[in-house]
Amino acid sequence: MKKVWLIAGAVMLFGMGSGLRATDSTPAKSVVTVLAPGNYTAKAKALVCEGCGPIIEQTLNQQRGIKKATFDPKTKTVSFQIKKGAVVKVSDLQKTLKAKSDEMGMGADYTLTEIKKRAD
């Protein structure tokens, strides 16, 4: 039994650490955990109908720290702005969006991917 726990622990440690630091030959992957003030874009994982975009937009606009969120149906991209002085946890946004997509059902998944800070 101890052997199983040791193997599971080693797998967890290896998996958790692999994207968080650089090795000599591989640059570290960027792990975004908090969003500072500024403008961002992101994609939603799975939109199943034309009602999904407005739900994502509305959900983000109701979050503390978000000044404005808009959804572009052509590019299926959400743009949002974090208020000055605010710090927003990505995990909080994901949790709220997950609850909304679960309400929607039908395979919708509003998890944000490709979160990028815009230069403007």
PDB file of N, CA and C in Angstrom:
ATOM      1  N   MET A   1       0.826  -1.195   0.000  1.00  0.00           N
ATOM      2  CA  MET A   1       0.000   0.000   0.000  1.00  0.00           C
ATOM      3  C   MET A   1       0.874   1.265   0.000  1.00  0.00           C
ATOM      4  N   LYS A   2       1.978   1.225   0.791  1.00  0.00           N
ATOM      5  CA  LYS A   2       2.871   2.379   0.840  1.00  0.00           C
ATOM      6  C   LYS A   2       3.470   2.670  -0.539  1.00  0.00           C
ATOM      7  N   LYS A   3       3.765   1.603  -1.285  1.00  0.00           N
ATOM      8  CA  LYS A   3       4.362   1.748  -2.604  1.00  0.00           C
ATOM      9  C   LYS A   3       3.421   2.508  -3.551  1.00  0.00           C
ATOM     10  N   VAL A   4       2.109   2.201  -3.468  1.00  0.00           N
ATOM     11  CA  VAL A   4       1.118   2.878  -4.311  1.00  0.00           C
ATOM     12  C   VAL A   4       1.070   4.363  -3.979  1.00  0.00           C
ATOM     13  N   TRP A   5       1.061   4.707  -2.698  1.00  0.00           N
ATOM     14  CA  TRP A   5       1.000   6.111  -2.285  1.00  0.00           C
ATOM     15  C   TRP A   5       2.256   6.860  -2.699  1.00  0.00           C
ATOM     16  N   LEU A   6       3.411   6.205  -2.599  1.00  0.00           N
ATOM     17  CA  LEU A   6       4.655   6.850  -3.024  1.00  0.00           C
ATOM     18  C   LEU A   6       4.655   7.114  -4.519  1.00  0.00           C
ATOM     19  N   ILE A   7       4.191   6.158  -5.293  1.00  0.00           N
ATOM     20  CA  ILE A   7       4.137   6.340  -6.745  1.00  0.00           C
ATOM     21  C   ILE A   7       3.153   7.445  -7.094  1.00  0.00           C
ATOM     22  N   ALA A   8       1.971   7.427  -6.465  1.00  0.00           N
ATOM     23  CA  ALA A   8       0.963   8.464  -6.728  1.00  0.00           C
ATOM     24  C   ALA A   8       1.498   9.841  -6.344  1.00  0.00           C
ATOM     25  N   GLY A   9       2.199   9.926  -5.218  1.00  0.00           N
ATOM     26  CA  GLY A   9       2.775  11.200  -4.785  1.00  0.00           C
ATOM     27  C   GLY A   9       3.829  11.701  -5.758  1.00  0.00           C
ATOM     28  N   ALA A  10       4.658  10.790  -6.242  1.00  0.00           N
ATOM     29  CA  ALA A  10       5.695  11.179  -7.203  1.00  0.00           C
ATOM     30  C   ALA A  10       5.072  11.663  -8.504  1.00  0.00           C
ATOM     31  N   VAL A  11       4.024  10.982  -8.954  1.00  0.00           N
ATOM     32  CA  VAL A  11       3.341  11.402 -10.181  1.00  0.00           C
ATOM     33  C   VAL A  11       2.740  12.781  -9.994  1.00  0.00           C
ATOM     34  N   MET A  12       2.117  13.021  -8.837  1.00  0.00           N
ATOM     35  CA  MET A  12       1.512  14.340  -8.575  1.00  0.00           C
ATOM     36  C   MET A  12       2.572  15.424  -8.551  1.00  0.00           C
ATOM     37  N   LEU A  13       3.686  15.172  -7.877  1.00  0.00           N
ATOM     38  CA  LEU A  13       4.748  16.177  -7.798  1.00  0.00           C
ATOM     39  C   LEU A  13       5.331  16.457  -9.169  1.00  0.00           C
ATOM     40  N   PHE A  14       5.576  15.408  -9.943  1.00  0.00           N
ATOM     41  CA  PHE A  14       6.120  15.607 -11.274  1.00  0.00           C
ATOM     42  C   PHE A  14       5.161  16.406 -12.141  1.00  0.00           C
ATOM     43  N   GLY A  15       3.895  16.051 -12.118  1.00  0.00           N
ATOM     44  CA  GLY A  15       2.889  16.727 -12.934  1.00  0.00           C
ATOM     45  C   GLY A  15       2.709  18.174 -12.524  1.00  0.00           C
ATOM     46  N   MET A  16       2.731  18.455 -11.218  1.00  0.00           N
ATOM     47  CA  MET A  16       2.516  19.817 -10.748  1.00  0.00           C
ATOM     48  C   MET A  16       3.707  20.707 -11.061  1.00  0.00           C
ATOM     49  N   GLY A  17       4.899  20.171 -10.960  1.00  0.00           N
ATOM     50  CA  GLY A  17       6.076  21.004 -11.126  1.00  0.00           C
ATOM     51  C   GLY A  17       6.499  21.203 -12.560  1.00  0.00           C
ATOM     52  N   SER A  18       6.038  20.355 -13.453  1.00  0.00           N
ATOM     53  CA  SER A  18       6.566  20.395 -14.813  1.00  0.00           C
ATOM     54  C   SER A  18       6.241  21.687 -15.556  1.00  0.00           C
ATOM     55  N   GLY A  19       5.135  22.339 -15.281  1.00  0.00           N
ATOM     56  CA  GLY A  19       4.793  23.557 -15.991  1.00  0.00           C
ATOM     57  C   GLY A  19       5.123  24.817 -15.231  1.00  0.00           C
ATOM     58  N   LEU A  20       5.714  24.677 -14.050  1.00  0.00           N
ATOM     59  CA  LEU A  20       5.917  25.842 -13.212  1.00  0.00           C
ATOM     60  C   LEU A  20       7.353  26.355 -13.193  1.00  0.00           C
ATOM     61  N   ARG A  21       8.278  25.604 -13.714  1.00  0.00           N
ATOM     62  CA  ARG A  21       9.658  26.086 -13.707  1.00  0.00           C
ATOM     63  C   ARG A  21      10.376  25.647 -14.972  1.00  0.00           C
ATOM     64  N   ALA A  22      11.448  26.312 -15.257  1.00  0.00           N
ATOM     65  CA  ALA A  22      12.191  26.019 -16.485  1.00  0.00           C
ATOM     66  C   ALA A  22      13.285  25.000 -16.215  1.00  0.00           C
ATOM     67  N   THR A  23      13.585  24.216 -17.218  1.00  0.00           N
ATOM     68  CA  THR A  23      14.772  23.376 -17.185  1.00  0.00           C
ATOM     69  C   THR A  23      15.785  24.060 -18.097  1.00  0.00           C
ATOM     70  N   ASP A  24      16.945  23.489 -18.227  1.00  0.00           N
ATOM     71  CA  ASP A  24      17.968  24.101 -19.070  1.00  0.00           C
ATOM     72  C   ASP A  24      17.518  24.245 -20.515  1.00  0.00           C
ATOM     73  N   SER A  25      16.723  23.297 -21.030  1.00  0.00           N
ATOM     74  CA  SER A  25      16.374  23.330 -22.439  1.00  0.00           C
ATOM     75  C   SER A  25      14.950  23.802 -22.728  1.00  0.00           C
ATOM     76  N   THR A  26      14.086  23.885 -21.717  1.00  0.00           N
ATOM     77  CA  THR A  26      12.683  24.225 -21.943  1.00  0.00           C
ATOM     78  C   THR A  26      12.289  25.445 -21.117  1.00  0.00           C
ATOM     79  N   PRO A  27      11.758  26.491 -21.761  1.00  0.00           N
ATOM     80  CA  PRO A  27      11.316  27.649 -20.988  1.00  0.00           C
ATOM     81  C   PRO A  27      10.077  27.300 -20.173  1.00  0.00           C
ATOM     82  N   ALA A  28       9.885  28.009 -19.059  1.00  0.00           N
ATOM     83  CA  ALA A  28       8.727  27.778 -18.202  1.00  0.00           C
ATOM     84  C   ALA A  28       7.454  28.189 -18.923  1.00  0.00           C
ATOM     85  N   LYS A  29       6.386  27.440 -18.700  1.00  0.00           N
ATOM     86  CA  LYS A  29       5.083  27.817 -19.243  1.00  0.00           C
ATOM     87  C   LYS A  29       4.500  28.880 -18.331  1.00  0.00           C
ATOM     88  N   SER A  30       3.812  29.823 -18.905  1.00  0.00           N
ATOM     89  CA  SER A  30       3.196  30.875 -18.125  1.00  0.00           C
ATOM     90  C   SER A  30       1.933  30.348 -17.460  1.00  0.00           C
ATOM     91  N   VAL A  31       1.878  30.421 -16.134  1.00  0.00           N
ATOM     92  CA  VAL A  31       0.709  29.990 -15.386  1.00  0.00           C
ATOM     93  C   VAL A  31       0.085  31.244 -14.791  1.00  0.00           C
ATOM     94  N   VAL A  32      -1.044  31.665 -15.348  1.00  0.00           N
ATOM     95  CA  VAL A  32      -1.713  32.875 -14.889  1.00  0.00           C
ATOM     96  C   VAL A  32      -2.656  32.493 -13.764  1.00  0.00           C
ATOM     97  N   THR A  33      -2.438  33.077 -12.577  1.00  0.00           N
ATOM     98  CA  THR A  33      -3.325  32.777 -11.456  1.00  0.00           C
ATOM     99  C   THR A  33      -4.124  33.991 -11.002  1.00  0.00           C
ATOM    100  N   VAL A  34      -3.574  35.182 -11.210  1.00  0.00           N
ATOM    101  CA  VAL A  34      -4.294  36.417 -10.884  1.00  0.00           C
ATOM    102  C   VAL A  34      -4.167  37.389 -12.053  1.00  0.00           C
ATOM    103  N   LEU A  35      -5.208  38.190 -12.208  1.00  0.00           N
ATOM    104  CA  LEU A  35      -5.212  39.176 -13.283  1.00  0.00           C
ATOM    105  C   LEU A  35      -5.140  40.562 -12.664  1.00  0.00           C
ATOM    106  N   ALA A  36      -4.120  41.299 -13.021  1.00  0.00           N
ATOM    107  CA  ALA A  36      -3.944  42.669 -12.549  1.00  0.00           C
ATOM    108  C   ALA A  36      -4.787  43.591 -13.428  1.00  0.00           C
ATOM    109  N   PRO A  37      -4.949  44.848 -13.037  1.00  0.00           N
ATOM    110  CA  PRO A  37      -5.708  45.786 -13.861  1.00  0.00           C
ATOM    111  C   PRO A  37      -5.190  45.824 -15.292  1.00  0.00           C
ATOM    112  N   GLY A  38      -6.126  45.917 -16.216  1.00  0.00           N
ATOM    113  CA  GLY A  38      -5.770  45.957 -17.633  1.00  0.00           C
ATOM    114  C   GLY A  38      -6.831  45.296 -18.480  1.00  0.00           C
ATOM    115  N   ASN A  39      -6.545  45.193 -19.763  1.00  0.00           N
ATOM    116  CA  ASN A  39      -7.468  44.616 -20.739  1.00  0.00           C
ATOM    117  C   ASN A  39      -6.996  43.215 -21.133  1.00  0.00           C
ATOM    118  N   TYR A  40      -7.940  42.293 -21.216  1.00  0.00           N
ATOM    119  CA  TYR A  40      -7.631  40.893 -21.507  1.00  0.00           C
ATOM    120  C   TYR A  40      -8.544  40.348 -22.595  1.00  0.00           C
ATOM    121  N   THR A  41      -8.071  39.294 -23.244  1.00  0.00           N
ATOM    122  CA  THR A  41      -8.906  38.516 -24.153  1.00  0.00           C
ATOM    123  C   THR A  41      -8.783  37.057 -23.744  1.00  0.00           C
ATOM    124  N   ALA A  42      -9.808  36.284 -24.083  1.00  0.00           N
ATOM    125  CA  ALA A  42      -9.790  34.855 -23.791  1.00  0.00           C
ATOM    126  C   ALA A  42     -10.781  34.159 -24.697  1.00  0.00           C
ATOM    127  N   LYS A  43     -10.626  32.879 -24.817  1.00  0.00           N
ATOM    128  CA  LYS A  43     -11.564  32.027 -25.551  1.00  0.00           C
ATOM    129  C   LYS A  43     -12.314  31.189 -24.521  1.00  0.00           C
ATOM    130  N   ALA A  44     -13.532  30.792 -24.870  1.00  0.00           N
ATOM    131  CA  ALA A  44     -14.278  29.849 -24.041  1.00  0.00           C
ATOM    132  C   ALA A  44     -14.070  28.466 -24.630  1.00  0.00           C
ATOM    133  N   LYS A  45     -14.017  27.478 -23.758  1.00  0.00           N
ATOM    134  CA  LYS A  45     -13.684  26.119 -24.190  1.00  0.00           C
ATOM    135  C   LYS A  45     -14.715  25.516 -25.143  1.00  0.00           C
ATOM    136  N   ALA A  46     -16.015  25.582 -24.802  1.00  0.00           N
ATOM    137  CA  ALA A  46     -17.035  24.951 -25.658  1.00  0.00           C
ATOM    138  C   ALA A  46     -18.340  25.739 -25.622  1.00  0.00           C
ATOM    139  N   LEU A  47     -18.634  26.397 -26.724  1.00  0.00           N
ATOM    140  CA  LEU A  47     -19.886  27.136 -26.865  1.00  0.00           C
ATOM    141  C   LEU A  47     -20.819  26.281 -27.718  1.00  0.00           C
ATOM    142  N   VAL A  48     -22.022  26.033 -27.207  1.00  0.00           N
ATOM    143  CA  VAL A  48     -22.922  25.108 -27.916  1.00  0.00           C
ATOM    144  C   VAL A  48     -24.064  25.798 -28.652  1.00  0.00           C
ATOM    145  N   CYS A  49     -24.286  27.074 -28.357  1.00  0.00           N
ATOM    146  CA  CYS A  49     -25.347  27.787 -29.061  1.00  0.00           C
ATOM    147  C   CYS A  49     -25.047  29.287 -29.029  1.00  0.00           C
ATOM    148  N   GLU A  50     -25.858  30.058 -29.713  1.00  0.00           N
ATOM    149  CA  GLU A  50     -25.625  31.505 -29.769  1.00  0.00           C
ATOM    150  C   GLU A  50     -25.928  32.207 -28.448  1.00  0.00           C
ATOM    151  N   GLY A  51     -26.584  31.515 -27.529  1.00  0.00           N
ATOM    152  CA  GLY A  51     -26.872  32.098 -26.219  1.00  0.00           C
ATOM    153  C   GLY A  51     -25.693  32.047 -25.264  1.00  0.00           C
ATOM    154  N   CYS A  52     -24.689  31.249 -25.583  1.00  0.00           N
ATOM    155  CA  CYS A  52     -23.547  31.080 -24.674  1.00  0.00           C
ATOM    156  C   CYS A  52     -22.741  32.372 -24.497  1.00  0.00           C
ATOM    157  N   GLY A  53     -22.437  33.053 -25.582  1.00  0.00           N
ATOM    158  CA  GLY A  53     -21.633  34.279 -25.514  1.00  0.00           C
ATOM    159  C   GLY A  53     -22.234  35.326 -24.601  1.00  0.00           C
ATOM    160  N   PRO A  54     -23.538  35.656 -24.776  1.00  0.00           N
ATOM    161  CA  PRO A  54     -24.153  36.634 -23.884  1.00  0.00           C
ATOM    162  C   PRO A  54     -24.156  36.195 -22.412  1.00  0.00           C
ATOM    163  N   ILE A  55     -24.260  34.884 -22.163  1.00  0.00           N
ATOM    164  CA  ILE A  55     -24.225  34.405 -20.772  1.00  0.00           C
ATOM    165  C   ILE A  55     -22.840  34.622 -20.177  1.00  0.00           C
ATOM    166  N   ILE A  56     -21.805  34.341 -20.953  1.00  0.00           N
ATOM    167  CA  ILE A  56     -20.434  34.573 -20.477  1.00  0.00           C
ATOM    168  C   ILE A  56     -20.230  36.060 -20.197  1.00  0.00           C
ATOM    169  N   GLU A  57     -20.661  36.884 -21.124  1.00  0.00           N
ATOM    170  CA  GLU A  57     -20.540  38.335 -20.983  1.00  0.00           C
ATOM    171  C   GLU A  57     -21.243  38.814 -19.709  1.00  0.00           C
ATOM    172  N   GLN A  58     -22.483  38.399 -19.525  1.00  0.00           N
ATOM    173  CA  GLN A  58     -23.266  38.805 -18.353  1.00  0.00           C
ATOM    174  C   GLN A  58     -22.609  38.314 -17.054  1.00  0.00           C
ATOM    175  N   THR A  59     -22.151  37.080 -17.067  1.00  0.00           N
ATOM    176  CA  THR A  59     -21.527  36.502 -15.871  1.00  0.00           C
ATOM    177  C   THR A  59     -20.272  37.272 -15.489  1.00  0.00           C
ATOM    178  N   LEU A  60     -19.436  37.569 -16.461  1.00  0.00           N
ATOM    179  CA  LEU A  60     -18.209  38.323 -16.162  1.00  0.00           C
ATOM    180  C   LEU A  60     -18.525  39.742 -15.707  1.00  0.00           C
ATOM    181  N   ASN A  61     -19.522  40.375 -16.313  1.00  0.00           N
ATOM    182  CA  ASN A  61     -19.875  41.742 -15.916  1.00  0.00           C
ATOM    183  C   ASN A  61     -20.395  41.826 -14.481  1.00  0.00           C
ATOM    184  N   GLN A  62     -20.834  40.711 -13.937  1.00  0.00           N
ATOM    185  CA  GLN A  62     -21.333  40.688 -12.567  1.00  0.00           C
ATOM    186  C   GLN A  62     -20.235  40.412 -11.539  1.00  0.00           C
ATOM    187  N   GLN A  63     -19.025  40.122 -12.013  1.00  0.00           N
ATOM    188  CA  GLN A  63     -17.929  39.789 -11.110  1.00  0.00           C
ATOM    189  C   GLN A  63     -17.252  41.037 -10.558  1.00  0.00           C
ATOM    190  N   ARG A  64     -16.979  41.002  -9.266  1.00  0.00           N
ATOM    191  CA  ARG A  64     -16.274  42.113  -8.627  1.00  0.00           C
ATOM    192  C   ARG A  64     -14.878  42.216  -9.237  1.00  0.00           C
ATOM    193  N   GLY A  65     -14.490  43.400  -9.582  1.00  0.00           N
ATOM    194  CA  GLY A  65     -13.171  43.634 -10.161  1.00  0.00           C
ATOM    195  C   GLY A  65     -13.185  43.748 -11.673  1.00  0.00           C
ATOM    196  N   ILE A  66     -14.268  43.332 -12.305  1.00  0.00           N
ATOM    197  CA  ILE A  66     -14.354  43.436 -13.760  1.00  0.00           C
ATOM    198  C   ILE A  66     -15.153  44.679 -14.113  1.00  0.00           C
ATOM    199  N   LYS A  67     -14.519  45.539 -14.910  1.00  0.00           N
ATOM    200  CA  LYS A  67     -15.171  46.786 -15.304  1.00  0.00           C
ATOM    201  C   LYS A  67     -16.149  46.550 -16.444  1.00  0.00           C
ATOM    202  N   LYS A  68     -15.712  45.814 -17.472  1.00  0.00           N
ATOM    203  CA  LYS A  68     -16.578  45.571 -18.629  1.00  0.00           C
ATOM    204  C   LYS A  68     -16.107  44.329 -19.361  1.00  0.00           C
ATOM    205  N   ALA A  69     -17.090  43.524 -19.758  1.00  0.00           N
ATOM    206  CA  ALA A  69     -16.795  42.334 -20.554  1.00  0.00           C
ATOM    207  C   ALA A  69     -17.693  42.345 -21.784  1.00  0.00           C
ATOM    208  N   THR A  70     -17.124  41.976 -22.915  1.00  0.00           N
ATOM    209  CA  THR A  70     -17.895  41.874 -24.158  1.00  0.00           C
ATOM    210  C   THR A  70     -17.513  40.575 -24.856  1.00  0.00           C
ATOM    211  N   PHE A  71     -18.454  40.049 -25.614  1.00  0.00           N
ATOM    212  CA  PHE A  71     -18.220  38.813 -26.349  1.00  0.00           C
ATOM    213  C   PHE A  71     -18.366  39.079 -27.836  1.00  0.00           C
ATOM    214  N   ASP A  72     -17.406  38.626 -28.628  1.00  0.00           N
ATOM    215  CA  ASP A  72     -17.451  38.775 -30.074  1.00  0.00           C
ATOM    216  C   ASP A  72     -17.838  37.423 -30.684  1.00  0.00           C
ATOM    217  N   PRO A  73     -19.069  37.300 -31.202  1.00  0.00           N
ATOM    218  CA  PRO A  73     -19.508  36.010 -31.741  1.00  0.00           C
ATOM    219  C   PRO A  73     -18.737  35.564 -32.986  1.00  0.00           C
ATOM    220  N   LYS A  74     -18.182  36.496 -33.736  1.00  0.00           N
ATOM    221  CA  LYS A  74     -17.428  36.131 -34.943  1.00  0.00           C
ATOM    222  C   LYS A  74     -16.140  35.392 -34.597  1.00  0.00           C
ATOM    223  N   THR A  75     -15.413  35.906 -33.610  1.00  0.00           N
ATOM    224  CA  THR A  75     -14.136  35.299 -33.226  1.00  0.00           C
ATOM    225  C   THR A  75     -14.282  34.361 -32.020  1.00  0.00           C
ATOM    226  N   LYS A  76     -15.473  34.359 -31.419  1.00  0.00           N
ATOM    227  CA  LYS A  76     -15.748  33.577 -30.202  1.00  0.00           C
ATOM    228  C   LYS A  76     -14.743  33.915 -29.101  1.00  0.00           C
ATOM    229  N   THR A  77     -14.486  35.212 -29.001  1.00  0.00           N
ATOM    230  CA  THR A  77     -13.529  35.726 -28.029  1.00  0.00           C
ATOM    231  C   THR A  77     -14.234  36.655 -27.054  1.00  0.00           C
ATOM    232  N   VAL A  78     -13.886  36.535 -25.796  1.00  0.00           N
ATOM    233  CA  VAL A  78     -14.393  37.450 -24.795  1.00  0.00           C
ATOM    234  C   VAL A  78     -13.269  38.438 -24.467  1.00  0.00           C
ATOM    235  N   SER A  79     -13.630  39.702 -24.392  1.00  0.00           N
ATOM    236  CA  SER A  79     -12.688  40.751 -23.980  1.00  0.00           C
ATOM    237  C   SER A  79     -13.211  41.305 -22.670  1.00  0.00           C
ATOM    238  N   PHE A  80     -12.306  41.545 -21.737  1.00  0.00           N
ATOM    239  CA  PHE A  80     -12.743  42.101 -20.459  1.00  0.00           C
ATOM    240  C   PHE A  80     -11.658  42.969 -19.862  1.00  0.00           C
ATOM    241  N   GLN A  81     -12.102  43.879 -19.002  1.00  0.00           N
ATOM    242  CA  GLN A  81     -11.189  44.832 -18.386  1.00  0.00           C
ATOM    243  C   GLN A  81     -11.263  44.683 -16.876  1.00  0.00           C
ATOM    244  N   ILE A  82     -10.099  44.570 -16.256  1.00  0.00           N
ATOM    245  CA  ILE A  82     -10.007  44.522 -14.797  1.00  0.00           C
ATOM    246  C   ILE A  82      -9.864  45.961 -14.307  1.00  0.00           C
ATOM    247  N   LYS A  83     -10.673  46.325 -13.317  1.00  0.00           N
ATOM    248  CA  LYS A  83     -10.668  47.688 -12.771  1.00  0.00           C
ATOM    249  C   LYS A  83      -9.324  48.027 -12.136  1.00  0.00           C
ATOM    250  N   LYS A  84      -8.989  49.314 -12.153  1.00  0.00           N
ATOM    251  CA  LYS A  84      -7.787  49.789 -11.469  1.00  0.00           C
ATOM    252  C   LYS A  84      -7.917  49.468  -9.984  1.00  0.00           C
ATOM    253  N   GLY A  85      -6.832  48.992  -9.410  1.00  0.00           N
ATOM    254  CA  GLY A  85      -6.806  48.663  -7.988  1.00  0.00           C
ATOM    255  C   GLY A  85      -7.351  47.273  -7.672  1.00  0.00           C
ATOM    256  N   ALA A  86      -7.906  46.597  -8.653  1.00  0.00           N
ATOM    257  CA  ALA A  86      -8.468  45.265  -8.424  1.00  0.00           C
ATOM    258  C   ALA A  86      -7.476  44.182  -8.828  1.00  0.00           C
ATOM    259  N   VAL A  87      -7.579  43.078  -8.164  1.00  0.00           N
ATOM    260  CA  VAL A  87      -6.844  41.878  -8.533  1.00  0.00           C
ATOM    261  C   VAL A  87      -7.876  40.765  -8.565  1.00  0.00           C
ATOM    262  N   VAL A  88      -7.993  40.107  -9.698  1.00  0.00           N
ATOM    263  CA  VAL A  88      -9.012  39.079  -9.890  1.00  0.00           C
ATOM    264  C   VAL A  88      -8.323  37.721 -10.018  1.00  0.00           C
ATOM    265  N   LYS A  89      -8.770  36.753  -9.227  1.00  0.00           N
ATOM    266  CA  LYS A  89      -8.227  35.394  -9.313  1.00  0.00           C
ATOM    267  C   LYS A  89      -8.872  34.669 -10.489  1.00  0.00           C
ATOM    268  N   VAL A  90      -8.045  34.077 -11.308  1.00  0.00           N
ATOM    269  CA  VAL A  90      -8.540  33.297 -12.439  1.00  0.00           C
ATOM    270  C   VAL A  90      -9.411  32.156 -11.928  1.00  0.00           C
ATOM    271  N   SER A  91      -9.030  31.543 -10.823  1.00  0.00           N
ATOM    272  CA  SER A  91      -9.802  30.421 -10.276  1.00  0.00           C
ATOM    273  C   SER A  91     -11.220  30.845  -9.903  1.00  0.00           C
ATOM    274  N   ASP A  92     -11.389  32.082  -9.410  1.00  0.00           N
ATOM    275  CA  ASP A  92     -12.728  32.577  -9.078  1.00  0.00           C
ATOM    276  C   ASP A  92     -13.581  32.737 -10.329  1.00  0.00           C
ATOM    277  N   LEU A  93     -12.986  33.283 -11.381  1.00  0.00           N
ATOM    278  CA  LEU A  93     -13.710  33.429 -12.646  1.00  0.00           C
ATOM    279  C   LEU A  93     -14.092  32.061 -13.201  1.00  0.00           C
ATOM    280  N   GLN A  94     -13.146  31.139 -13.196  1.00  0.00           N
ATOM    281  CA  GLN A  94     -13.394  29.810 -13.754  1.00  0.00           C
ATOM    282  C   GLN A  94     -14.502  29.096 -12.982  1.00  0.00           C
ATOM    283  N   LYS A  95     -14.498  29.233 -11.666  1.00  0.00           N
ATOM    284  CA  LYS A  95     -15.508  28.580 -10.828  1.00  0.00           C
ATOM    285  C   LYS A  95     -16.902  29.115 -11.160  1.00  0.00           C
ATOM    286  N   THR A  96     -17.021  30.424 -11.276  1.00  0.00           N
ATOM    287  CA  THR A  96     -18.305  31.046 -11.589  1.00  0.00           C
ATOM    288  C   THR A  96     -18.770  30.670 -12.995  1.00  0.00           C
ATOM    289  N   LEU A  97     -17.861  30.708 -13.953  1.00  0.00           N
ATOM    290  CA  LEU A  97     -18.210  30.347 -15.330  1.00  0.00           C
ATOM    291  C   LEU A  97     -18.564  28.861 -15.446  1.00  0.00           C
ATOM    292  N   LYS A  98     -17.893  28.019 -14.686  1.00  0.00           N
ATOM    293  CA  LYS A  98     -18.194  26.586 -14.685  1.00  0.00           C
ATOM    294  C   LYS A  98     -19.620  26.352 -14.174  1.00  0.00           C
ATOM    295  N   ALA A  99     -19.994  27.051 -13.100  1.00  0.00           N
ATOM    296  CA  ALA A  99     -21.354  26.908 -12.560  1.00  0.00           C
ATOM    297  C   ALA A  99     -22.391  27.326 -13.598  1.00  0.00           C
ATOM    298  N   LYS A 100     -22.120  28.402 -14.324  1.00  0.00           N
ATOM    299  CA  LYS A 100     -23.049  28.867 -15.365  1.00  0.00           C
ATOM    300  C   LYS A 100     -23.148  27.878 -16.516  1.00  0.00           C
ATOM    301  N   SER A 101     -22.014  27.329 -16.949  1.00  0.00           N
ATOM    302  CA  SER A 101     -22.070  26.376 -18.057  1.00  0.00           C
ATOM    303  C   SER A 101     -22.748  25.078 -17.617  1.00  0.00           C
ATOM    304  N   ASP A 102     -22.593  24.704 -16.362  1.00  0.00           N
ATOM    305  CA  ASP A 102     -23.296  23.530 -15.851  1.00  0.00           C
ATOM    306  C   ASP A 102     -24.801  23.761 -15.839  1.00  0.00           C
ATOM    307  N   GLU A 103     -25.223  24.991 -15.519  1.00  0.00           N
ATOM    308  CA  GLU A 103     -26.651  25.343 -15.575  1.00  0.00           C
ATOM    309  C   GLU A 103     -27.168  25.221 -17.010  1.00  0.00           C
ATOM    310  N   MET A 104     -26.374  25.680 -17.948  1.00  0.00           N
ATOM    311  CA  MET A 104     -26.768  25.640 -19.354  1.00  0.00           C
ATOM    312  C   MET A 104     -26.879  24.200 -19.843  1.00  0.00           C
ATOM    313  N   GLY A 105     -25.911  23.381 -19.453  1.00  0.00           N
ATOM    314  CA  GLY A 105     -25.921  21.984 -19.876  1.00  0.00           C
ATOM    315  C   GLY A 105     -25.552  21.845 -21.337  1.00  0.00           C
ATOM    316  N   MET A 106     -26.020  20.798 -21.971  1.00  0.00           N
ATOM    317  CA  MET A 106     -25.831  20.533 -23.401  1.00  0.00           C
ATOM    318  C   MET A 106     -24.366  20.476 -23.822  1.00  0.00           C
ATOM    319  N   GLY A 107     -23.447  20.261 -22.890  1.00  0.00           N
ATOM    320  CA  GLY A 107     -22.037  20.188 -23.244  1.00  0.00           C
ATOM    321  C   GLY A 107     -21.308  21.521 -23.240  1.00  0.00           C
ATOM    322  N   ALA A 108     -21.995  22.583 -22.792  1.00  0.00           N
ATOM    323  CA  ALA A 108     -21.344  23.897 -22.731  1.00  0.00           C
ATOM    324  C   ALA A 108     -20.218  23.863 -21.698  1.00  0.00           C
ATOM    325  N   ASP A 109     -19.132  24.540 -22.007  1.00  0.00           N
ATOM    326  CA  ASP A 109     -18.021  24.677 -21.073  1.00  0.00           C
ATOM    327  C   ASP A 109     -17.448  26.079 -21.260  1.00  0.00           C
ATOM    328  N   TYR A 110     -17.706  26.947 -20.289  1.00  0.00           N
ATOM    329  CA  TYR A 110     -17.297  28.344 -20.386  1.00  0.00           C
ATOM    330  C   TYR A 110     -15.915  28.595 -19.785  1.00  0.00           C
ATOM    331  N   THR A 111     -15.164  27.545 -19.518  1.00  0.00           N
ATOM    332  CA  THR A 111     -13.817  27.699 -19.000  1.00  0.00           C
ATOM    333  C   THR A 111     -13.028  28.597 -19.950  1.00  0.00           C
ATOM    334  N   LEU A 112     -12.363  29.603 -19.396  1.00  0.00           N
ATOM    335  CA  LEU A 112     -11.572  30.510 -20.220  1.00  0.00           C
ATOM    336  C   LEU A 112     -10.227  29.877 -20.555  1.00  0.00           C
ATOM    337  N   THR A 113      -9.872  29.965 -21.827  1.00  0.00           N
ATOM    338  CA  THR A 113      -8.576  29.474 -22.280  1.00  0.00           C
ATOM    339  C   THR A 113      -7.867  30.618 -23.009  1.00  0.00           C
ATOM    340  N   GLU A 114      -6.593  30.458 -23.202  1.00  0.00           N
ATOM    341  CA  GLU A 114      -5.797  31.446 -23.940  1.00  0.00           C
ATOM    342  C   GLU A 114      -5.999  32.865 -23.385  1.00  0.00           C
ATOM    343  N   ILE A 115      -5.981  33.008 -22.065  1.00  0.00           N
ATOM    344  CA  ILE A 115      -6.131  34.315 -21.448  1.00  0.00           C
ATOM    345  C   ILE A 115      -4.860  35.118 -21.730  1.00  0.00           C
ATOM    346  N   LYS A 116      -5.051  36.270 -22.361  1.00  0.00           N
ATOM    347  CA  LYS A 116      -3.902  37.103 -22.738  1.00  0.00           C
ATOM    348  C   LYS A 116      -4.177  38.549 -22.366  1.00  0.00           C
ATOM    349  N   LYS A 117      -3.173  39.198 -21.835  1.00  0.00           N
ATOM    350  CA  LYS A 117      -3.283  40.636 -21.538  1.00  0.00           C
ATOM    351  C   LYS A 117      -2.979  41.389 -22.819  1.00  0.00           C
ATOM    352  N   ARG A 118      -3.873  42.312 -23.159  1.00  0.00           N
ATOM    353  CA  ARG A 118      -3.672  43.143 -24.351  1.00  0.00           C
ATOM    354  C   ARG A 118      -2.767  44.305 -24.015  1.00  0.00           C
ATOM    355  N   ALA A 119      -2.095  44.814 -25.016  1.00  0.00           N
ATOM    356  CA  ALA A 119      -1.159  45.927 -24.833  1.00  0.00           C
ATOM    357  C   ALA A 119      -1.865  47.256 -24.621  1.00  0.00           C
ATOM    358  N   ASP A 120      -3.112  47.397 -25.076  1.00  0.00           N
ATOM    359  CA  ASP A 120      -3.798  48.695 -24.982  1.00  0.00           C
ATOM    360  C   ASP A 120      -4.301  49.009 -23.624  1.00  0.00           C
TER     361      ASP A 120
END
